[in-house]
């Protein structure tokens, strides 16, 4: 589902309920991407730099929510990236 977002690339997580997509294709850093998602889409995600200085192009999504909430969050993000 994350790969459907413009500029986002993500490998399938292997059994975890977190994903760590690369957002470089959006043209903004992971930190700016996370801020934009929170303030414009109402979706809280964590910048990759919280997990290491080499992860500036990444963010961490948690999928510990209902399918409906996840689908709505991704729709909200898709709208702000279009």
C-alpha atoms as a PDB file:
ATOM      1  CA  UNK A   1       0.000   0.000   0.000  1.00  0.00           C
ATOM      2  CA  UNK A   2       2.816   2.420   0.787  1.00  0.00           C
ATOM      3  CA  UNK A   3       4.228   1.937  -2.720  1.00  0.00           C
ATOM      4  CA  UNK A   4       1.027   3.488  -4.077  1.00  0.00           C
ATOM      5  CA  UNK A   5       2.021   6.830  -2.536  1.00  0.00           C
ATOM      6  CA  UNK A   6       3.796   9.119  -5.039  1.00  0.00           C
ATOM      7  CA  UNK A   7       7.565   9.161  -4.446  1.00  0.00           C
ATOM      8  CA  UNK A   8       7.499   6.463  -1.747  1.00  0.00           C
ATOM      9  CA  UNK A   9       9.289   3.102  -2.013  1.00  0.00           C
ATOM     10  CA  UNK A  10       8.894   0.376   0.575  1.00  0.00           C
ATOM     11  CA  UNK A  11       9.865  -3.261   0.963  1.00  0.00           C
ATOM     12  CA  UNK A  12       7.340  -5.585   2.551  1.00  0.00           C
ATOM     13  CA  UNK A  13       8.052  -5.858   6.290  1.00  0.00           C
ATOM     14  CA  UNK A  14       8.993  -9.392   7.327  1.00  0.00           C
ATOM     15  CA  UNK A  15       6.520 -10.068  10.124  1.00  0.00           C
ATOM     16  CA  UNK A  16       6.802  -6.702  11.856  1.00  0.00           C
ATOM     17  CA  UNK A  17       3.989  -4.215  12.308  1.00  0.00           C
ATOM     18  CA  UNK A  18       6.287  -1.385  11.241  1.00  0.00           C
ATOM     19  CA  UNK A  19       7.368  -0.306   7.770  1.00  0.00           C
ATOM     20  CA  UNK A  20      10.407   1.841   6.966  1.00  0.00           C
ATOM     21  CA  UNK A  21       9.775   3.381   3.524  1.00  0.00           C
ATOM     22  CA  UNK A  22      12.154   5.573   1.575  1.00  0.00           C
ATOM     23  CA  UNK A  23      10.506   8.933   0.835  1.00  0.00           C
ATOM     24  CA  UNK A  24      13.353  10.498  -1.157  1.00  0.00           C
ATOM     25  CA  UNK A  25      11.211  10.470  -4.307  1.00  0.00           C
ATOM     26  CA  UNK A  26       8.842  12.982  -2.715  1.00  0.00           C
ATOM     27  CA  UNK A  27      11.566  15.627  -2.855  1.00  0.00           C
ATOM     28  CA  UNK A  28      11.577  16.249   0.901  1.00  0.00           C
ATOM     29  CA  UNK A  29      13.437  14.711   3.834  1.00  0.00           C
ATOM     30  CA  UNK A  30      11.903  12.126   6.120  1.00  0.00           C
ATOM     31  CA  UNK A  31      11.659  14.760   8.839  1.00  0.00           C
ATOM     32  CA  UNK A  32       9.753  17.172   6.575  1.00  0.00           C
ATOM     33  CA  UNK A  33       7.605  14.317   5.259  1.00  0.00           C
ATOM     34  CA  UNK A  34       6.640  13.367   8.830  1.00  0.00           C
ATOM     35  CA  UNK A  35       5.790  16.999   9.674  1.00  0.00           C
ATOM     36  CA  UNK A  36       3.693  17.370   6.531  1.00  0.00           C
ATOM     37  CA  UNK A  37       1.818  14.130   7.262  1.00  0.00           C
ATOM     38  CA  UNK A  38       1.047  15.239  10.804  1.00  0.00           C
ATOM     39  CA  UNK A  39       0.002  18.815  10.074  1.00  0.00           C
ATOM     40  CA  UNK A  40      -1.728  18.386   6.706  1.00  0.00           C
ATOM     41  CA  UNK A  41      -2.990  14.777   6.746  1.00  0.00           C
ATOM     42  CA  UNK A  42      -3.461  14.189  10.474  1.00  0.00           C
ATOM     43  CA  UNK A  43      -1.200  11.130  10.384  1.00  0.00           C
ATOM     44  CA  UNK A  44       1.593  10.666  12.932  1.00  0.00           C
ATOM     45  CA  UNK A  45       4.723   8.895  11.685  1.00  0.00           C
ATOM     46  CA  UNK A  46       8.323   8.974  12.894  1.00  0.00           C
ATOM     47  CA  UNK A  47      11.237  10.446  10.883  1.00  0.00           C
ATOM     48  CA  UNK A  48      13.894   7.873  10.066  1.00  0.00           C
ATOM     49  CA  UNK A  49      16.568   9.974  11.758  1.00  0.00           C
ATOM     50  CA  UNK A  50      15.076   8.917  15.112  1.00  0.00           C
ATOM     51  CA  UNK A  51      16.671   5.534  14.325  1.00  0.00           C
ATOM     52  CA  UNK A  52      20.022   6.740  12.989  1.00  0.00           C
ATOM     53  CA  UNK A  53      21.605   9.688  11.209  1.00  0.00           C
ATOM     54  CA  UNK A  54      21.873   7.761   7.915  1.00  0.00           C
ATOM     55  CA  UNK A  55      18.092   7.411   7.626  1.00  0.00           C
ATOM     56  CA  UNK A  56      17.229  10.979   6.599  1.00  0.00           C
ATOM     57  CA  UNK A  57      15.280   9.747   3.556  1.00  0.00           C
ATOM     58  CA  UNK A  58      13.126   7.330   5.566  1.00  0.00           C
ATOM     59  CA  UNK A  59      10.131   7.363   7.900  1.00  0.00           C
ATOM     60  CA  UNK A  60       8.617   4.691  10.114  1.00  0.00           C
ATOM     61  CA  UNK A  61       4.958   3.767   9.889  1.00  0.00           C
ATOM     62  CA  UNK A  62       3.223   1.611  12.484  1.00  0.00           C
ATOM     63  CA  UNK A  63       0.499  -0.700  11.249  1.00  0.00           C
ATOM     64  CA  UNK A  64      -0.829  -1.440  14.751  1.00  0.00           C
ATOM     65  CA  UNK A  65      -4.274  -0.087  13.864  1.00  0.00           C
ATOM     66  CA  UNK A  66      -7.443  -1.259  12.150  1.00  0.00           C
ATOM     67  CA  UNK A  67      -7.472  -1.723   8.386  1.00  0.00           C
ATOM     68  CA  UNK A  68      -9.977   1.096   8.093  1.00  0.00           C
ATOM     69  CA  UNK A  69      -7.730   3.512  10.011  1.00  0.00           C
ATOM     70  CA  UNK A  70      -4.691   2.501   7.951  1.00  0.00           C
ATOM     71  CA  UNK A  71      -6.589   2.897   4.669  1.00  0.00           C
ATOM     72  CA  UNK A  72      -7.876   6.324   5.705  1.00  0.00           C
ATOM     73  CA  UNK A  73      -4.404   7.456   6.799  1.00  0.00           C
ATOM     74  CA  UNK A  74      -2.882   6.391   3.480  1.00  0.00           C
ATOM     75  CA  UNK A  75      -5.670   8.146   1.555  1.00  0.00           C
ATOM     76  CA  UNK A  76      -5.018  11.336   3.533  1.00  0.00           C
ATOM     77  CA  UNK A  77      -1.291  11.133   2.779  1.00  0.00           C
ATOM     78  CA  UNK A  78      -1.924  10.416  -0.900  1.00  0.00           C
ATOM     79  CA  UNK A  79      -4.050  13.586  -1.138  1.00  0.00           C
ATOM     80  CA  UNK A  80      -1.315  15.831   0.255  1.00  0.00           C
ATOM     81  CA  UNK A  81       1.317  14.306  -2.056  1.00  0.00           C
ATOM     82  CA  UNK A  82      -0.741  14.759  -5.226  1.00  0.00           C
END
